[in-house]
């Protein structure tokens, strides 16, 4: 299940919610004040550090045989 990031303007807090893809467009609910909140853009997480990694070659698509 993917993790979505949200921001509550009332509490000024960021939080994450793990929910199924079918609920990805549904608004979130702040765990502190209960306000309805929208998702915020997020970036891909990686164990390679905190910078964005750009591939140096074409994407691996499996065996072409």
N, C-alpha and C. Protein backbone atom coordinates (compact mmCIF):
# COMPACT_ATOMS: atom_id res chain seq x y z
N UNK A 1 0.84 -1.17 0.00
CA UNK A 1 0.00 0.00 0.00
C UNK A 1 0.89 1.25 0.00
N UNK A 2 0.55 2.23 -0.81
CA UNK A 2 1.35 3.45 -0.85
C UNK A 2 1.10 4.34 0.36
N UNK A 3 2.07 5.17 0.62
CA UNK A 3 1.98 6.14 1.72
C UNK A 3 1.81 7.52 1.09
N UNK A 4 0.79 8.26 1.53
CA UNK A 4 0.52 9.60 1.02
C UNK A 4 0.84 10.63 2.10
N UNK A 5 1.31 11.79 1.66
CA UNK A 5 1.66 12.86 2.59
C UNK A 5 0.58 13.93 2.57
N UNK A 6 0.29 14.47 3.74
CA UNK A 6 -0.73 15.50 3.90
C UNK A 6 -0.19 16.63 4.77
N UNK A 7 -0.82 17.81 4.66
CA UNK A 7 -0.46 18.94 5.50
C UNK A 7 -1.75 19.57 6.01
N UNK A 8 -1.82 19.79 7.33
CA UNK A 8 -2.97 20.43 7.94
C UNK A 8 -2.63 21.90 8.20
N UNK A 9 -3.36 22.80 7.54
CA UNK A 9 -3.13 24.23 7.72
C UNK A 9 -3.57 24.69 9.10
N UNK A 10 -4.55 24.02 9.70
CA UNK A 10 -5.02 24.39 11.04
C UNK A 10 -3.93 24.13 12.09
N UNK A 11 -3.36 22.93 12.05
CA UNK A 11 -2.36 22.52 13.05
C UNK A 11 -0.93 22.84 12.62
N UNK A 12 -0.77 23.12 11.32
CA UNK A 12 0.57 23.32 10.73
C UNK A 12 1.45 22.09 10.92
N UNK A 13 0.84 20.93 10.70
CA UNK A 13 1.58 19.67 10.84
C UNK A 13 1.49 18.86 9.57
N UNK A 14 2.59 18.19 9.25
CA UNK A 14 2.62 17.24 8.14
C UNK A 14 2.43 15.85 8.73
N UNK A 15 1.75 14.99 7.98
CA UNK A 15 1.59 13.61 8.42
C UNK A 15 1.42 12.72 7.20
N UNK A 16 1.58 11.43 7.42
CA UNK A 16 1.48 10.43 6.36
C UNK A 16 0.35 9.47 6.66
N UNK A 17 -0.27 8.98 5.58
CA UNK A 17 -1.34 7.99 5.71
C UNK A 17 -1.09 6.89 4.70
N UNK A 18 -1.11 5.64 5.16
CA UNK A 18 -1.00 4.51 4.27
C UNK A 18 -2.42 4.10 3.90
N UNK A 19 -2.71 4.12 2.59
CA UNK A 19 -4.06 3.77 2.14
C UNK A 19 -3.99 3.14 0.77
N UNK A 20 -5.00 2.36 0.40
CA UNK A 20 -4.98 1.69 -0.91
C UNK A 20 -5.10 2.69 -2.07
N UNK A 21 -4.68 2.25 -3.26
CA UNK A 21 -4.74 3.09 -4.45
C UNK A 21 -6.16 3.59 -4.71
N UNK A 22 -7.15 2.76 -4.45
CA UNK A 22 -8.54 3.16 -4.75
C UNK A 22 -8.99 4.36 -3.92
N UNK A 23 -8.27 4.66 -2.82
CA UNK A 23 -8.59 5.81 -1.98
C UNK A 23 -7.60 6.96 -2.16
N UNK A 24 -6.78 6.89 -3.21
CA UNK A 24 -5.72 7.88 -3.38
C UNK A 24 -6.23 9.30 -3.58
N UNK A 25 -7.39 9.48 -4.19
CA UNK A 25 -7.92 10.82 -4.43
C UNK A 25 -8.82 11.32 -3.31
N UNK A 26 -9.15 10.47 -2.36
CA UNK A 26 -10.01 10.87 -1.25
C UNK A 26 -9.25 11.81 -0.32
N UNK A 27 -9.92 12.82 0.23
CA UNK A 27 -9.22 13.71 1.17
C UNK A 27 -8.82 12.97 2.44
N UNK A 28 -7.78 13.46 3.07
CA UNK A 28 -7.33 12.87 4.33
C UNK A 28 -7.97 13.59 5.51
N UNK A 29 -7.76 13.02 6.68
CA UNK A 29 -8.29 13.62 7.89
C UNK A 29 -7.14 13.81 8.87
N UNK A 30 -6.98 15.03 9.37
CA UNK A 30 -5.90 15.33 10.30
C UNK A 30 -6.08 14.52 11.58
N UNK A 31 -5.03 13.81 12.00
CA UNK A 31 -5.14 13.01 13.23
C UNK A 31 -5.19 13.86 14.50
N UNK A 32 -4.81 15.14 14.41
CA UNK A 32 -4.80 16.01 15.58
C UNK A 32 -6.12 16.75 15.77
N UNK A 33 -6.58 17.44 14.70
CA UNK A 33 -7.78 18.26 14.85
C UNK A 33 -8.99 17.72 14.09
N UNK A 34 -8.79 16.73 13.22
CA UNK A 34 -9.89 16.14 12.48
C UNK A 34 -10.29 16.89 11.22
N UNK A 35 -9.55 17.95 10.86
CA UNK A 35 -9.87 18.72 9.66
C UNK A 35 -9.64 17.88 8.41
N UNK A 36 -10.43 18.14 7.37
CA UNK A 36 -10.24 17.48 6.09
C UNK A 36 -9.09 18.17 5.37
N UNK A 37 -8.14 17.41 4.88
CA UNK A 37 -6.95 17.96 4.24
C UNK A 37 -6.70 17.30 2.90
N UNK A 38 -5.96 17.98 2.03
CA UNK A 38 -5.61 17.45 0.71
C UNK A 38 -4.17 16.95 0.72
N UNK A 39 -3.85 16.07 -0.23
CA UNK A 39 -2.49 15.57 -0.35
C UNK A 39 -1.53 16.67 -0.77
N UNK A 40 -0.29 16.51 -0.38
CA UNK A 40 0.77 17.40 -0.85
C UNK A 40 1.68 16.60 -1.76
N UNK A 41 2.32 17.26 -2.73
CA UNK A 41 3.25 16.54 -3.60
C UNK A 41 4.40 15.95 -2.79
N UNK A 42 4.83 14.78 -3.17
CA UNK A 42 5.97 14.15 -2.49
C UNK A 42 6.93 13.61 -3.54
N UNK A 43 8.11 13.27 -3.10
CA UNK A 43 9.13 12.73 -4.00
C UNK A 43 9.37 11.27 -3.67
N UNK A 44 9.99 10.58 -4.60
CA UNK A 44 10.31 9.18 -4.43
C UNK A 44 11.35 9.01 -3.32
N UNK A 45 11.13 8.06 -2.43
CA UNK A 45 12.08 7.79 -1.35
C UNK A 45 13.09 6.74 -1.79
N UNK A 46 14.33 6.88 -1.33
CA UNK A 46 15.40 5.96 -1.70
C UNK A 46 16.39 5.83 -0.55
N UNK A 47 17.08 4.71 -0.50
CA UNK A 47 18.12 4.49 0.51
C UNK A 47 19.45 5.09 0.07
N UNK A 48 19.49 5.76 -1.06
CA UNK A 48 20.73 6.30 -1.62
C UNK A 48 21.09 7.66 -1.05
N UNK A 49 20.32 8.20 -0.17
CA UNK A 49 20.61 9.53 0.36
C UNK A 49 19.42 10.43 0.17
N UNK A 50 19.67 11.71 0.24
CA UNK A 50 18.58 12.68 0.17
C UNK A 50 18.51 13.43 -1.15
N UNK A 51 19.31 13.06 -2.13
CA UNK A 51 19.26 13.75 -3.41
C UNK A 51 18.53 12.89 -4.44
N UNK A 52 18.08 13.51 -5.51
CA UNK A 52 17.39 12.79 -6.56
C UNK A 52 18.42 12.09 -7.43
N UNK A 53 18.21 10.82 -7.68
CA UNK A 53 19.13 10.04 -8.51
C UNK A 53 18.56 9.92 -9.91
N UNK A 54 19.36 10.31 -10.90
CA UNK A 54 18.94 10.23 -12.30
C UNK A 54 19.65 9.05 -12.94
N UNK A 55 18.91 8.18 -13.66
CA UNK A 55 19.56 7.03 -14.30
C UNK A 55 20.56 7.46 -15.36
N UNK A 56 21.65 6.71 -15.48
CA UNK A 56 22.70 7.04 -16.44
C UNK A 56 22.50 6.34 -17.77
N UNK A 57 21.61 5.40 -17.84
CA UNK A 57 21.36 4.67 -19.08
C UNK A 57 19.87 4.38 -19.23
N UNK A 58 19.50 3.65 -20.26
CA UNK A 58 18.09 3.33 -20.45
C UNK A 58 17.57 2.44 -19.32
N UNK A 59 16.31 2.53 -19.06
CA UNK A 59 15.69 1.73 -18.00
C UNK A 59 15.74 0.25 -18.37
N UNK A 60 15.99 -0.60 -17.40
CA UNK A 60 16.01 -2.05 -17.61
C UNK A 60 14.60 -2.53 -17.86
N UNK A 61 14.37 -3.21 -18.95
CA UNK A 61 13.03 -3.70 -19.30
C UNK A 61 12.97 -5.22 -19.37
N UNK A 62 13.99 -5.90 -18.84
CA UNK A 62 13.98 -7.36 -18.85
C UNK A 62 14.64 -7.91 -20.11
N UNK A 63 14.64 -9.21 -20.24
CA UNK A 63 15.24 -9.89 -21.40
C UNK A 63 14.41 -9.64 -22.65
N UNK A 64 15.07 -9.34 -23.75
CA UNK A 64 14.35 -9.10 -25.01
C UNK A 64 14.42 -10.34 -25.89
N UNK A 65 14.78 -11.49 -25.33
CA UNK A 65 14.90 -12.71 -26.14
C UNK A 65 13.60 -13.43 -26.30
